[in-house]
Amino acid sequence: MTGRPVSIAIVGWLFIAVGIIGFVYHAAEFRMLAPFEYSLAWVQVLRLLAIVGGVFLLRGANWARWILLLWLAYHVVLSSLHSLLEAGMHILFLAVVGYVLLRPQASQYFRGGISQAGSANS
């Protein structure tokens, strides 16, 4: 394989963007004079995990695709506690991202590891 599949690049950058946007959005909820909110800290850890997973997905790390699939599966469970529509959207995202990350072309890319991440445009 000559480089990173475009679909992998799209998913990686999507997770990086979602992680950054979510991190900045939720960082505004921290209040300096209020008691520390551990649930908000957990949300921030999850956002950082999305960013780290996206970065290492772009670098060809096989473990990153499993982290991101678990991240999405966790969100399916969370969204099922909110509404049917929200759960359905997360299930759809999980199915699409799962297809992209688990198809044979992706597996071949991840078997090559980080050394193939240099050519992002193929």
PDB file of N, CA and C in Angstrom:
ATOM      1  N   MET A   1       0.851  -1.171   0.000  1.00  0.00           N
ATOM      2  CA  MET A   1       0.000   0.000   0.000  1.00  0.00           C
ATOM      3  C   MET A   1       0.895   1.231   0.000  1.00  0.00           C
ATOM      4  N   THR A   2       0.528   2.225  -0.788  1.00  0.00           N
ATOM      5  CA  THR A   2       1.410   3.373  -0.957  1.00  0.00           C
ATOM      6  C   THR A   2       1.160   4.498   0.020  1.00  0.00           C
ATOM      7  N   GLY A   3       0.079   4.494   0.749  1.00  0.00           N
ATOM      8  CA  GLY A   3      -0.156   5.586   1.694  1.00  0.00           C
ATOM      9  C   GLY A   3      -1.482   5.433   2.416  1.00  0.00           C
ATOM     10  N   ARG A   4      -1.830   6.472   3.131  1.00  0.00           N
ATOM     11  CA  ARG A   4      -3.045   6.478   3.941  1.00  0.00           C
ATOM     12  C   ARG A   4      -4.272   6.618   3.046  1.00  0.00           C
ATOM     13  N   PRO A   5      -5.257   5.744   3.207  1.00  0.00           N
ATOM     14  CA  PRO A   5      -6.501   5.907   2.451  1.00  0.00           C
ATOM     15  C   PRO A   5      -7.191   7.222   2.837  1.00  0.00           C
ATOM     16  N   VAL A   6      -7.823   7.861   1.879  1.00  0.00           N
ATOM     17  CA  VAL A   6      -8.496   9.135   2.122  1.00  0.00           C
ATOM     18  C   VAL A   6      -9.562   8.979   3.201  1.00  0.00           C
ATOM     19  N   SER A   7     -10.268   7.859   3.208  1.00  0.00           N
ATOM     20  CA  SER A   7     -11.328   7.647   4.207  1.00  0.00           C
ATOM     21  C   SER A   7     -10.755   7.636   5.629  1.00  0.00           C
ATOM     22  N   ILE A   8      -9.566   7.084   5.795  1.00  0.00           N
ATOM     23  CA  ILE A   8      -8.908   7.079   7.108  1.00  0.00           C
ATOM     24  C   ILE A   8      -8.535   8.508   7.504  1.00  0.00           C
ATOM     25  N   ALA A   9      -8.036   9.282   6.541  1.00  0.00           N
ATOM     26  CA  ALA A   9      -7.676  10.677   6.814  1.00  0.00           C
ATOM     27  C   ALA A   9      -8.912  11.479   7.231  1.00  0.00           C
ATOM     28  N   ILE A  10     -10.027  11.264   6.551  1.00  0.00           N
ATOM     29  CA  ILE A  10     -11.258  11.987   6.884  1.00  0.00           C
ATOM     30  C   ILE A  10     -11.707  11.647   8.297  1.00  0.00           C
ATOM     31  N   VAL A  11     -11.713  10.368   8.640  1.00  0.00           N
ATOM     32  CA  VAL A  11     -12.135   9.954   9.982  1.00  0.00           C
ATOM     33  C   VAL A  11     -11.177  10.507  11.033  1.00  0.00           C
ATOM     34  N   GLY A  12      -9.890  10.433  10.783  1.00  0.00           N
ATOM     35  CA  GLY A  12      -8.910  10.952  11.737  1.00  0.00           C
ATOM     36  C   GLY A  12      -9.094  12.439  11.990  1.00  0.00           C
ATOM     37  N   TRP A  13      -9.201  13.207  10.921  1.00  0.00           N
ATOM     38  CA  TRP A  13      -9.383  14.654  11.076  1.00  0.00           C
ATOM     39  C   TRP A  13     -10.731  14.988  11.701  1.00  0.00           C
ATOM     40  N   LEU A  14     -11.750  14.193  11.420  1.00  0.00           N
ATOM     41  CA  LEU A  14     -13.069  14.413  12.024  1.00  0.00           C
ATOM     42  C   LEU A  14     -12.997  14.252  13.544  1.00  0.00           C
ATOM     43  N   PHE A  15     -12.328  13.201  14.005  1.00  0.00           N
ATOM     44  CA  PHE A  15     -12.183  12.997  15.452  1.00  0.00           C
ATOM     45  C   PHE A  15     -11.345  14.097  16.091  1.00  0.00           C
ATOM     46  N   ILE A  16     -10.307  14.538  15.414  1.00  0.00           N
ATOM     47  CA  ILE A  16      -9.497  15.640  15.940  1.00  0.00           C
ATOM     48  C   ILE A  16     -10.357  16.889  16.077  1.00  0.00           C
ATOM     49  N   ALA A  17     -11.130  17.209  15.044  1.00  0.00           N
ATOM     50  CA  ALA A  17     -11.981  18.401  15.073  1.00  0.00           C
ATOM     51  C   ALA A  17     -13.047  18.300  16.158  1.00  0.00           C
ATOM     52  N   VAL A  18     -13.713  17.155  16.244  1.00  0.00           N
ATOM     53  CA  VAL A  18     -14.750  16.959  17.262  1.00  0.00           C
ATOM     54  C   VAL A  18     -14.146  17.068  18.656  1.00  0.00           C
ATOM     55  N   GLY A  19     -12.984  16.493  18.839  1.00  0.00           N
ATOM     56  CA  GLY A  19     -12.317  16.562  20.139  1.00  0.00           C
ATOM     57  C   GLY A  19     -11.945  17.979  20.526  1.00  0.00           C
ATOM     58  N   ILE A  20     -11.374  18.726  19.592  1.00  0.00           N
ATOM     59  CA  ILE A  20     -10.963  20.106  19.882  1.00  0.00           C
ATOM     60  C   ILE A  20     -12.179  20.982  20.157  1.00  0.00           C
ATOM     61  N   ILE A  21     -13.180  20.897  19.300  1.00  0.00           N
ATOM     62  CA  ILE A  21     -14.384  21.720  19.480  1.00  0.00           C
ATOM     63  C   ILE A  21     -15.057  21.388  20.808  1.00  0.00           C
ATOM     64  N   GLY A  22     -15.208  20.109  21.106  1.00  0.00           N
ATOM     65  CA  GLY A  22     -15.825  19.711  22.368  1.00  0.00           C
ATOM     66  C   GLY A  22     -15.011  20.122  23.573  1.00  0.00           C
ATOM     67  N   PHE A  23     -13.692  20.018  23.461  1.00  0.00           N
ATOM     68  CA  PHE A  23     -12.822  20.400  24.581  1.00  0.00           C
ATOM     69  C   PHE A  23     -12.956  21.888  24.873  1.00  0.00           C
ATOM     70  N   VAL A  24     -12.902  22.718  23.837  1.00  0.00           N
ATOM     71  CA  VAL A  24     -13.018  24.165  24.018  1.00  0.00           C
ATOM     72  C   VAL A  24     -14.403  24.525  24.551  1.00  0.00           C
ATOM     73  N   TYR A  25     -15.428  23.905  24.001  1.00  0.00           N
ATOM     74  CA  TYR A  25     -16.802  24.179  24.441  1.00  0.00           C
ATOM     75  C   TYR A  25     -16.978  23.861  25.930  1.00  0.00           C
ATOM     76  N   HIS A  26     -16.519  22.685  26.339  1.00  0.00           N
ATOM     77  CA  HIS A  26     -16.701  22.274  27.733  1.00  0.00           C
ATOM     78  C   HIS A  26     -15.715  22.964  28.684  1.00  0.00           C
ATOM     79  N   ALA A  27     -14.588  23.432  28.181  1.00  0.00           N
ATOM     80  CA  ALA A  27     -13.641  24.150  29.035  1.00  0.00           C
ATOM     81  C   ALA A  27     -14.264  25.430  29.574  1.00  0.00           C
ATOM     82  N   ALA A  28     -15.167  26.011  28.801  1.00  0.00           N
ATOM     83  CA  ALA A  28     -15.842  27.230  29.246  1.00  0.00           C
ATOM     84  C   ALA A  28     -16.766  26.964  30.432  1.00  0.00           C
ATOM     85  N   GLU A  29     -17.103  25.706  30.679  1.00  0.00           N
ATOM     86  CA  GLU A  29     -17.992  25.361  31.788  1.00  0.00           C
ATOM     87  C   GLU A  29     -17.268  25.277  33.133  1.00  0.00           C
ATOM     88  N   PHE A  30     -15.943  25.218  33.116  1.00  0.00           N
ATOM     89  CA  PHE A  30     -15.193  25.204  34.374  1.00  0.00           C
ATOM     90  C   PHE A  30     -15.326  26.569  35.046  1.00  0.00           C
ATOM     91  N   ARG A  31     -15.608  26.569  36.298  1.00  0.00           N
ATOM     92  CA  ARG A  31     -15.727  27.807  37.058  1.00  0.00           C
ATOM     93  C   ARG A  31     -14.638  27.814  38.130  1.00  0.00           C
ATOM     94  N   MET A  32     -13.884  28.869  38.159  1.00  0.00           N
ATOM     95  CA  MET A  32     -12.762  28.944  39.092  1.00  0.00           C
ATOM     96  C   MET A  32     -13.222  28.982  40.552  1.00  0.00           C
ATOM     97  N   LEU A  33     -14.350  29.582  40.823  1.00  0.00           N
ATOM     98  CA  LEU A  33     -14.803  29.725  42.199  1.00  0.00           C
ATOM     99  C   LEU A  33     -15.763  28.612  42.628  1.00  0.00           C
ATOM    100  N   ALA A  34     -16.168  27.778  41.690  1.00  0.00           N
ATOM    101  CA  ALA A  34     -17.111  26.699  41.997  1.00  0.00           C
ATOM    102  C   ALA A  34     -16.341  25.441  42.386  1.00  0.00           C
ATOM    103  N   PRO A  35     -17.007  24.512  43.077  1.00  0.00           N
ATOM    104  CA  PRO A  35     -16.355  23.235  43.394  1.00  0.00           C
ATOM    105  C   PRO A  35     -15.977  22.488  42.106  1.00  0.00           C
ATOM    106  N   PHE A  36     -14.921  21.733  42.197  1.00  0.00           N
ATOM    107  CA  PHE A  36     -14.453  20.981  41.029  1.00  0.00           C
ATOM    108  C   PHE A  36     -15.492  19.944  40.624  1.00  0.00           C
ATOM    109  N   GLU A  37     -15.824  19.934  39.342  1.00  0.00           N
ATOM    110  CA  GLU A  37     -16.821  19.000  38.830  1.00  0.00           C
ATOM    111  C   GLU A  37     -16.099  17.832  38.139  1.00  0.00           C
ATOM    112  N   TYR A  38     -16.147  16.685  38.788  1.00  0.00           N
ATOM    113  CA  TYR A  38     -15.452  15.517  38.240  1.00  0.00           C
ATOM    114  C   TYR A  38     -16.089  15.015  36.960  1.00  0.00           C
ATOM    115  N   SER A  39     -17.396  15.157  36.828  1.00  0.00           N
ATOM    116  CA  SER A  39     -18.048  14.719  35.596  1.00  0.00           C
ATOM    117  C   SER A  39     -17.572  15.551  34.411  1.00  0.00           C
ATOM    118  N   LEU A  40     -17.320  16.835  34.635  1.00  0.00           N
ATOM    119  CA  LEU A  40     -16.804  17.684  33.571  1.00  0.00           C
ATOM    120  C   LEU A  40     -15.363  17.301  33.224  1.00  0.00           C
ATOM    121  N   ALA A  41     -14.601  16.902  34.219  1.00  0.00           N
ATOM    122  CA  ALA A  41     -13.234  16.434  33.961  1.00  0.00           C
ATOM    123  C   ALA A  41     -13.268  15.166  33.102  1.00  0.00           C
ATOM    124  N   TRP A  42     -14.222  14.273  33.378  1.00  0.00           N
ATOM    125  CA  TRP A  42     -14.359  13.048  32.581  1.00  0.00           C
ATOM    126  C   TRP A  42     -14.691  13.390  31.131  1.00  0.00           C
ATOM    127  N   VAL A  43     -15.565  14.374  30.919  1.00  0.00           N
ATOM    128  CA  VAL A  43     -15.919  14.810  29.567  1.00  0.00           C
ATOM    129  C   VAL A  43     -14.660  15.310  28.848  1.00  0.00           C
ATOM    130  N   GLN A  44     -13.831  16.068  29.548  1.00  0.00           N
ATOM    131  CA  GLN A  44     -12.609  16.593  28.938  1.00  0.00           C
ATOM    132  C   GLN A  44     -11.619  15.471  28.595  1.00  0.00           C
ATOM    133  N   VAL A  45     -11.541  14.472  29.464  1.00  0.00           N
ATOM    134  CA  VAL A  45     -10.676  13.317  29.172  1.00  0.00           C
ATOM    135  C   VAL A  45     -11.159  12.616  27.909  1.00  0.00           C
ATOM    136  N   LEU A  46     -12.464  12.465  27.762  1.00  0.00           N
ATOM    137  CA  LEU A  46     -13.015  11.829  26.559  1.00  0.00           C
ATOM    138  C   LEU A  46     -12.716  12.656  25.309  1.00  0.00           C
ATOM    139  N   ARG A  47     -12.788  13.977  25.427  1.00  0.00           N
ATOM    140  CA  ARG A  47     -12.460  14.845  24.283  1.00  0.00           C
ATOM    141  C   ARG A  47     -10.988  14.715  23.915  1.00  0.00           C
ATOM    142  N   LEU A  48     -10.121  14.672  24.920  1.00  0.00           N
ATOM    143  CA  LEU A  48      -8.686  14.484  24.646  1.00  0.00           C
ATOM    144  C   LEU A  48      -8.424  13.123  24.014  1.00  0.00           C
ATOM    145  N   LEU A  49      -9.174  12.125  24.437  1.00  0.00           N
ATOM    146  CA  LEU A  49      -9.034  10.788  23.855  1.00  0.00           C
ATOM    147  C   LEU A  49      -9.397  10.800  22.371  1.00  0.00           C
ATOM    148  N   ALA A  50     -10.420  11.560  21.999  1.00  0.00           N
ATOM    149  CA  ALA A  50     -10.790  11.686  20.587  1.00  0.00           C
ATOM    150  C   ALA A  50      -9.662  12.339  19.790  1.00  0.00           C
ATOM    151  N   ILE A  51      -9.048  13.367  20.368  1.00  0.00           N
ATOM    152  CA  ILE A  51      -7.945  14.056  19.688  1.00  0.00           C
ATOM    153  C   ILE A  51      -6.751  13.126  19.528  1.00  0.00           C
ATOM    154  N   VAL A  52      -6.356  12.475  20.602  1.00  0.00           N
ATOM    155  CA  VAL A  52      -5.212  11.555  20.559  1.00  0.00           C
ATOM    156  C   VAL A  52      -5.499  10.405  19.588  1.00  0.00           C
ATOM    157  N   GLY A  53      -6.702   9.847  19.663  1.00  0.00           N
ATOM    158  CA  GLY A  53      -7.062   8.767  18.744  1.00  0.00           C
ATOM    159  C   GLY A  53      -7.004   9.210  17.296  1.00  0.00           C
ATOM    160  N   GLY A  54      -7.501  10.418  17.007  1.00  0.00           N
ATOM    161  CA  GLY A  54      -7.459  10.928  15.634  1.00  0.00           C
ATOM    162  C   GLY A  54      -6.045  11.145  15.137  1.00  0.00           C
ATOM    163  N   VAL A  55      -5.202  11.699  15.989  1.00  0.00           N
ATOM    164  CA  VAL A  55      -3.808  11.948  15.600  1.00  0.00           C
ATOM    165  C   VAL A  55      -3.100  10.628  15.293  1.00  0.00           C
ATOM    166  N   PHE A  56      -3.242   9.661  16.183  1.00  0.00           N
ATOM    167  CA  PHE A  56      -2.545   8.393  15.966  1.00  0.00           C
ATOM    168  C   PHE A  56      -3.190   7.547  14.880  1.00  0.00           C
ATOM    169  N   LEU A  57      -4.463   7.781  14.600  1.00  0.00           N
ATOM    170  CA  LEU A  57      -5.090   7.127  13.454  1.00  0.00           C
ATOM    171  C   LEU A  57      -4.410   7.613  12.177  1.00  0.00           C
ATOM    172  N   LEU A  58      -4.170   8.914  12.098  1.00  0.00           N
ATOM    173  CA  LEU A  58      -3.471   9.477  10.935  1.00  0.00           C
ATOM    174  C   LEU A  58      -2.045   8.948  10.818  1.00  0.00           C
ATOM    175  N   ARG A  59      -1.463   8.603  11.947  1.00  0.00           N
ATOM    176  CA  ARG A  59      -0.085   8.082  11.945  1.00  0.00           C
ATOM    177  C   ARG A  59      -0.026   6.580  11.681  1.00  0.00           C
ATOM    178  N   GLY A  60      -1.185   5.935  11.591  1.00  0.00           N
ATOM    179  CA  GLY A  60      -1.221   4.519  11.252  1.00  0.00           C
ATOM    180  C   GLY A  60      -1.165   3.573  12.430  1.00  0.00           C
ATOM    181  N   ALA A  61      -1.427   4.052  13.628  1.00  0.00           N
ATOM    182  CA  ALA A  61      -1.392   3.201  14.819  1.00  0.00           C
ATOM    183  C   ALA A  61      -2.660   2.348  14.888  1.00  0.00           C
ATOM    184  N   ASN A  62      -2.491   1.048  14.881  1.00  0.00           N
ATOM    185  CA  ASN A  62      -3.626   0.129  14.885  1.00  0.00           C
ATOM    186  C   ASN A  62      -4.493   0.295  16.131  1.00  0.00           C
ATOM    187  N   TRP A  63      -3.871   0.541  17.290  1.00  0.00           N
ATOM    188  CA  TRP A  63      -4.642   0.671  18.522  1.00  0.00           C
ATOM    189  C   TRP A  63      -5.584   1.868  18.474  1.00  0.00           C
ATOM    190  N   ALA A  64      -5.245   2.894  17.682  1.00  0.00           N
ATOM    191  CA  ALA A  64      -6.064   4.108  17.626  1.00  0.00           C
ATOM    192  C   ALA A  64      -7.436   3.829  17.031  1.00  0.00           C
ATOM    193  N   ARG A  65      -7.506   2.935  16.054  1.00  0.00           N
ATOM    194  CA  ARG A  65      -8.828   2.657  15.478  1.00  0.00           C
ATOM    195  C   ARG A  65      -9.722   1.960  16.485  1.00  0.00           C
ATOM    196  N   TRP A  66      -9.152   1.128  17.348  1.00  0.00           N
ATOM    197  CA  TRP A  66      -9.962   0.454  18.370  1.00  0.00           C
ATOM    198  C   TRP A  66     -10.393   1.428  19.457  1.00  0.00           C
ATOM    199  N   ILE A  67      -9.517   2.352  19.819  1.00  0.00           N
ATOM    200  CA  ILE A  67      -9.876   3.386  20.800  1.00  0.00           C
ATOM    201  C   ILE A  67     -11.044   4.222  20.268  1.00  0.00           C
ATOM    202  N   LEU A  68     -10.971   4.611  19.007  1.00  0.00           N
ATOM    203  CA  LEU A  68     -12.032   5.450  18.439  1.00  0.00           C
ATOM    204  C   LEU A  68     -13.341   4.681  18.298  1.00  0.00           C
ATOM    205  N   LEU A  69     -13.271   3.408  17.982  1.00  0.00           N
ATOM    206  CA  LEU A  69     -14.498   2.607  17.927  1.00  0.00           C
ATOM    207  C   LEU A  69     -15.113   2.453  19.313  1.00  0.00           C
ATOM    208  N   LEU A  70     -14.278   2.258  20.320  1.00  0.00           N
ATOM    209  CA  LEU A  70     -14.780   2.202  21.703  1.00  0.00           C
ATOM    210  C   LEU A  70     -15.350   3.551  22.128  1.00  0.00           C
ATOM    211  N   TRP A  71     -14.707   4.635  21.715  1.00  0.00           N
ATOM    212  CA  TRP A  71     -15.178   5.979  22.022  1.00  0.00           C
ATOM    213  C   TRP A  71     -16.588   6.169  21.467  1.00  0.00           C
ATOM    214  N   LEU A  72     -16.780   5.759  20.223  1.00  0.00           N
ATOM    215  CA  LEU A  72     -18.114   5.880  19.619  1.00  0.00           C
ATOM    216  C   LEU A  72     -19.123   4.952  20.278  1.00  0.00           C
ATOM    217  N   ALA A  73     -18.714   3.735  20.599  1.00  0.00           N
ATOM    218  CA  ALA A  73     -19.625   2.793  21.267  1.00  0.00           C
ATOM    219  C   ALA A  73     -20.069   3.346  22.620  1.00  0.00           C
ATOM    220  N   TYR A  74     -19.147   3.963  23.336  1.00  0.00           N
ATOM    221  CA  TYR A  74     -19.479   4.602  24.609  1.00  0.00           C
ATOM    222  C   TYR A  74     -20.534   5.695  24.399  1.00  0.00           C
ATOM    223  N   HIS A  75     -20.383   6.451  23.315  1.00  0.00           N
ATOM    224  CA  HIS A  75     -21.356   7.504  23.023  1.00  0.00           C
ATOM    225  C   HIS A  75     -22.705   6.944  22.596  1.00  0.00           C
ATOM    226  N   VAL A  76     -22.717   5.773  21.992  1.00  0.00           N
ATOM    227  CA  VAL A  76     -23.991   5.123  21.681  1.00  0.00           C
ATOM    228  C   VAL A  76     -24.734   4.822  22.973  1.00  0.00           C
ATOM    229  N   VAL A  77     -24.011   4.274  23.944  1.00  0.00           N
ATOM    230  CA  VAL A  77     -24.626   3.957  25.239  1.00  0.00           C
ATOM    231  C   VAL A  77     -25.126   5.229  25.916  1.00  0.00           C
ATOM    232  N   LEU A  78     -24.289   6.274  25.948  1.00  0.00           N
ATOM    233  CA  LEU A  78     -24.696   7.538  26.566  1.00  0.00           C
ATOM    234  C   LEU A  78     -25.921   8.132  25.887  1.00  0.00           C
ATOM    235  N   SER A  79     -25.911   8.145  24.566  1.00  0.00           N
ATOM    236  CA  SER A  79     -27.013   8.771  23.838  1.00  0.00           C
ATOM    237  C   SER A  79     -28.305   7.976  23.964  1.00  0.00           C
ATOM    238  N   SER A  80     -28.191   6.685  24.233  1.00  0.00           N
ATOM    239  CA  SER A  80     -29.411   5.885  24.414  1.00  0.00           C
ATOM    240  C   SER A  80     -30.158   6.302  25.680  1.00  0.00           C
ATOM    241  N   LEU A  81     -29.467   6.969  26.593  1.00  0.00           N
ATOM    242  CA  LEU A  81     -30.104   7.481  27.801  1.00  0.00           C
ATOM    243  C   LEU A  81     -30.810   8.811  27.550  1.00  0.00           C
ATOM    244  N   HIS A  82     -30.578   9.433  26.401  1.00  0.00           N
ATOM    245  CA  HIS A  82     -31.153  10.741  26.107  1.00  0.00           C
ATOM    246  C   HIS A  82     -32.382  10.626  25.215  1.00  0.00           C
ATOM    247  N   SER A  83     -32.182  10.254  23.968  1.00  0.00           N
ATOM    248  CA  SER A  83     -33.318  10.159  23.051  1.00  0.00           C
ATOM    249  C   SER A  83     -33.051   9.098  21.995  1.00  0.00           C
ATOM    250  N   LEU A  84     -34.115   8.632  21.402  1.00  0.00           N
ATOM    251  CA  LEU A  84     -34.016   7.621  20.353  1.00  0.00           C
ATOM    252  C   LEU A  84     -33.301   8.181  19.125  1.00  0.00           C
ATOM    253  N   LEU A  85     -33.597   9.427  18.774  1.00  0.00           N
ATOM    254  CA  LEU A  85     -32.952  10.055  17.624  1.00  0.00           C
ATOM    255  C   LEU A  85     -31.441  10.187  17.838  1.00  0.00           C
ATOM    256  N   GLU A  86     -31.061  10.646  19.021  1.00  0.00           N
ATOM    257  CA  GLU A  86     -29.630  10.801  19.337  1.00  0.00           C
ATOM    258  C   GLU A  86     -28.923   9.449  19.305  1.00  0.00           C
ATOM    259  N   ALA A  87     -29.547   8.436  19.875  1.00  0.00           N
ATOM    260  CA  ALA A  87     -28.954   7.092  19.855  1.00  0.00           C
ATOM    261  C   ALA A  87     -28.834   6.587  18.422  1.00  0.00           C
ATOM    262  N   GLY A  88     -29.870   6.825  17.628  1.00  0.00           N
ATOM    263  CA  GLY A  88     -29.848   6.387  16.227  1.00  0.00           C
ATOM    264  C   GLY A  88     -28.728   7.038  15.441  1.00  0.00           C
ATOM    265  N   MET A  89     -28.492   8.329  15.674  1.00  0.00           N
ATOM    266  CA  MET A  89     -27.414   9.026  14.972  1.00  0.00           C
ATOM    267  C   MET A  89     -26.047   8.479  15.381  1.00  0.00           C
ATOM    268  N   HIS A  90     -25.868   8.207  16.672  1.00  0.00           N
ATOM    269  CA  HIS A  90     -24.597   7.649  17.116  1.00  0.00           C
ATOM    270  C   HIS A  90     -24.390   6.227  16.592  1.00  0.00           C
ATOM    271  N   ILE A  91     -25.453   5.464  16.513  1.00  0.00           N
ATOM    272  CA  ILE A  91     -25.355   4.113  15.938  1.00  0.00           C
ATOM    273  C   ILE A  91     -24.957   4.202  14.470  1.00  0.00           C
ATOM    274  N   LEU A  92     -25.543   5.154  13.749  1.00  0.00           N
ATOM    275  CA  LEU A  92     -25.188   5.353  12.342  1.00  0.00           C
ATOM    276  C   LEU A  92     -23.718   5.750  12.210  1.00  0.00           C
ATOM    277  N   PHE A  93     -23.261   6.695  13.038  1.00  0.00           N
ATOM    278  CA  PHE A  93     -21.846   7.091  13.016  1.00  0.00           C
ATOM    279  C   PHE A  93     -20.939   5.907  13.312  1.00  0.00           C
ATOM    280  N   LEU A  94     -21.321   5.104  14.297  1.00  0.00           N
ATOM    281  CA  LEU A  94     -20.520   3.931  14.658  1.00  0.00           C
ATOM    282  C   LEU A  94     -20.451   2.951  13.494  1.00  0.00           C
ATOM    283  N   ALA A  95     -21.556   2.748  12.821  1.00  0.00           N
ATOM    284  CA  ALA A  95     -21.581   1.823  11.677  1.00  0.00           C
ATOM    285  C   ALA A  95     -20.691   2.327  10.541  1.00  0.00           C
ATOM    286  N   VAL A  96     -20.785   3.611  10.223  1.00  0.00           N
ATOM    287  CA  VAL A  96     -19.984   4.175   9.126  1.00  0.00           C
ATOM    288  C   VAL A  96     -18.499   4.153   9.477  1.00  0.00           C
ATOM    289  N   VAL A  97     -18.165   4.635  10.669  1.00  0.00           N
ATOM    290  CA  VAL A  97     -16.763   4.662  11.086  1.00  0.00           C
ATOM    291  C   VAL A  97     -16.228   3.233  11.227  1.00  0.00           C
ATOM    292  N   GLY A  98     -17.050   2.334  11.735  1.00  0.00           N
ATOM    293  CA  GLY A  98     -16.642   0.936  11.834  1.00  0.00           C
ATOM    294  C   GLY A  98     -16.336   0.345  10.469  1.00  0.00           C
ATOM    295  N   TYR A  99     -17.185   0.645   9.502  1.00  0.00           N
ATOM    296  CA  TYR A  99     -16.941   0.158   8.138  1.00  0.00           C
ATOM    297  C   TYR A  99     -15.615   0.699   7.605  1.00  0.00           C
ATOM    298  N   VAL A 100     -15.404   2.004   7.779  1.00  0.00           N
ATOM    299  CA  VAL A 100     -14.183   2.636   7.258  1.00  0.00           C
ATOM    300  C   VAL A 100     -12.937   2.062   7.933  1.00  0.00           C
ATOM    301  N   LEU A 101     -12.997   1.875   9.238  1.00  0.00           N
ATOM    302  CA  LEU A 101     -11.803   1.454   9.977  1.00  0.00           C
ATOM    303  C   LEU A 101     -11.544  -0.044   9.966  1.00  0.00           C
ATOM    304  N   LEU A 102     -12.548  -0.840   9.630  1.00  0.00           N
ATOM    305  CA  LEU A 102     -12.377  -2.296   9.695  1.00  0.00           C
ATOM    306  C   LEU A 102     -12.357  -2.983   8.334  1.00  0.00           C
ATOM    307  N   ARG A 103     -12.502  -2.267   7.265  1.00  0.00           N
ATOM    308  CA  ARG A 103     -12.477  -2.905   5.943  1.00  0.00           C
ATOM    309  C   ARG A 103     -11.053  -3.342   5.596  1.00  0.00           C
ATOM    310  N   PRO A 104     -10.909  -4.239   4.638  1.00  0.00           N
ATOM    311  CA  PRO A 104      -9.578  -4.786   4.314  1.00  0.00           C
ATOM    312  C   PRO A 104      -8.533  -3.730   3.941  1.00  0.00           C
ATOM    313  N   GLN A 105      -8.930  -2.694   3.206  1.00  0.00           N
ATOM    314  CA  GLN A 105      -7.972  -1.649   2.832  1.00  0.00           C
ATOM    315  C   GLN A 105      -7.420  -0.947   4.075  1.00  0.00           C
ATOM    316  N   ALA A 106      -8.279  -0.707   5.051  1.00  0.00           N
ATOM    317  CA  ALA A 106      -7.837  -0.071   6.297  1.00  0.00           C
ATOM    318  C   ALA A 106      -6.918  -1.004   7.070  1.00  0.00           C
ATOM    319  N   SER A 107      -7.291  -2.272   7.149  1.00  0.00           N
ATOM    320  CA  SER A 107      -6.459  -3.238   7.872  1.00  0.00           C
ATOM    321  C   SER A 107      -5.069  -3.323   7.264  1.00  0.00           C
ATOM    322  N   GLN A 108      -5.006  -3.275   5.951  1.00  0.00           N
ATOM    323  CA  GLN A 108      -3.710  -3.308   5.281  1.00  0.00           C
ATOM    324  C   GLN A 108      -2.885  -2.075   5.640  1.00  0.00           C
ATOM    325  N   TYR A 109      -3.523  -0.926   5.684  1.00  0.00           N
ATOM    326  CA  TYR A 109      -2.822   0.309   6.066  1.00  0.00           C
ATOM    327  C   TYR A 109      -2.298   0.220   7.494  1.00  0.00           C
ATOM    328  N   PHE A 110      -3.121  -0.273   8.412  1.00  0.00           N
ATOM    329  CA  PHE A 110      -2.710  -0.332   9.810  1.00  0.00           C
ATOM    330  C   PHE A 110      -1.650  -1.400  10.057  1.00  0.00           C
ATOM    331  N   ARG A 111      -1.597  -2.422   9.232  1.00  0.00           N
ATOM    332  CA  ARG A 111      -0.520  -3.407   9.368  1.00  0.00           C
ATOM    333  C   ARG A 111       0.827  -2.786   9.034  1.00  0.00           C
ATOM    334  N   GLY A 112       0.823  -1.749   8.169  1.00  0.00           N
ATOM    335  CA  GLY A 112       2.064  -1.065   7.805  1.00  0.00           C
ATOM    336  C   GLY A 112       2.592  -0.171   8.907  1.00  0.00           C
ATOM    337  N   GLY A 113       1.722   0.257   9.806  1.00  0.00           N
ATOM    338  CA  GLY A 113       2.121   1.064  10.955  1.00  0.00           C
ATOM    339  C   GLY A 113       2.414   2.505  10.621  1.00  0.00           C
ATOM    340  N   ILE A 114       3.112   3.147  11.529  1.00  0.00           N
ATOM    341  CA  ILE A 114       3.353   4.576  11.475  1.00  0.00           C
ATOM    342  C   ILE A 114       4.243   4.967  10.297  1.00  0.00           C
ATOM    343  N   SER A 115       5.070   4.087   9.811  1.00  0.00           N
ATOM    344  CA  SER A 115       6.020   4.433   8.768  1.00  0.00           C
ATOM    345  C   SER A 115       5.349   4.844   7.456  1.00  0.00           C
ATOM    346  N   GLN A 116       4.079   4.454   7.229  1.00  0.00           N
ATOM    347  CA  GLN A 116       3.416   4.793   5.976  1.00  0.00           C
ATOM    348  C   GLN A 116       2.632   6.091   6.045  1.00  0.00           C
ATOM    349  N   ALA A 117       2.635   6.767   7.160  1.00  0.00           N
ATOM    350  CA  ALA A 117       1.785   7.947   7.333  1.00  0.00           C
ATOM    351  C   ALA A 117       2.283   9.155   6.557  1.00  0.00           C
ATOM    352  N   GLY A 118       3.404   9.081   5.917  1.00  0.00           N
ATOM    353  CA  GLY A 118       3.962  10.234   5.232  1.00  0.00           C
ATOM    354  C   GLY A 118       3.163  10.723   4.058  1.00  0.00           C
ATOM    355  N   SER A 119       2.498   9.843   3.322  1.00  0.00           N
ATOM    356  CA  SER A 119       1.768  10.300   2.140  1.00  0.00           C
ATOM    357  C   SER A 119       0.274  10.273   2.431  1.00  0.00           C
ATOM    358  N   ALA A 120      -0.251  11.430   2.736  1.00  0.00           N
ATOM    359  CA  ALA A 120      -1.643  11.548   3.167  1.00  0.00           C
ATOM    360  C   ALA A 120      -2.596  11.745   2.006  1.00  0.00           C
ATOM    361  N   ASN A 121      -2.139  11.961   0.810  1.00  0.00           N
ATOM    362  CA  ASN A 121      -3.024  12.310  -0.289  1.00  0.00           C
ATOM    363  C   ASN A 121      -3.378  11.154  -1.197  1.00  0.00           C
ATOM    364  N   SER A 122      -3.071   9.941  -0.848  1.00  0.00           N
ATOM    365  CA  SER A 122      -3.409   8.845  -1.746  1.00  0.00           C
ATOM    366  C   SER A 122      -4.720   8.226  -1.377  1.00  0.00           C
TER     367      SER A 122
END
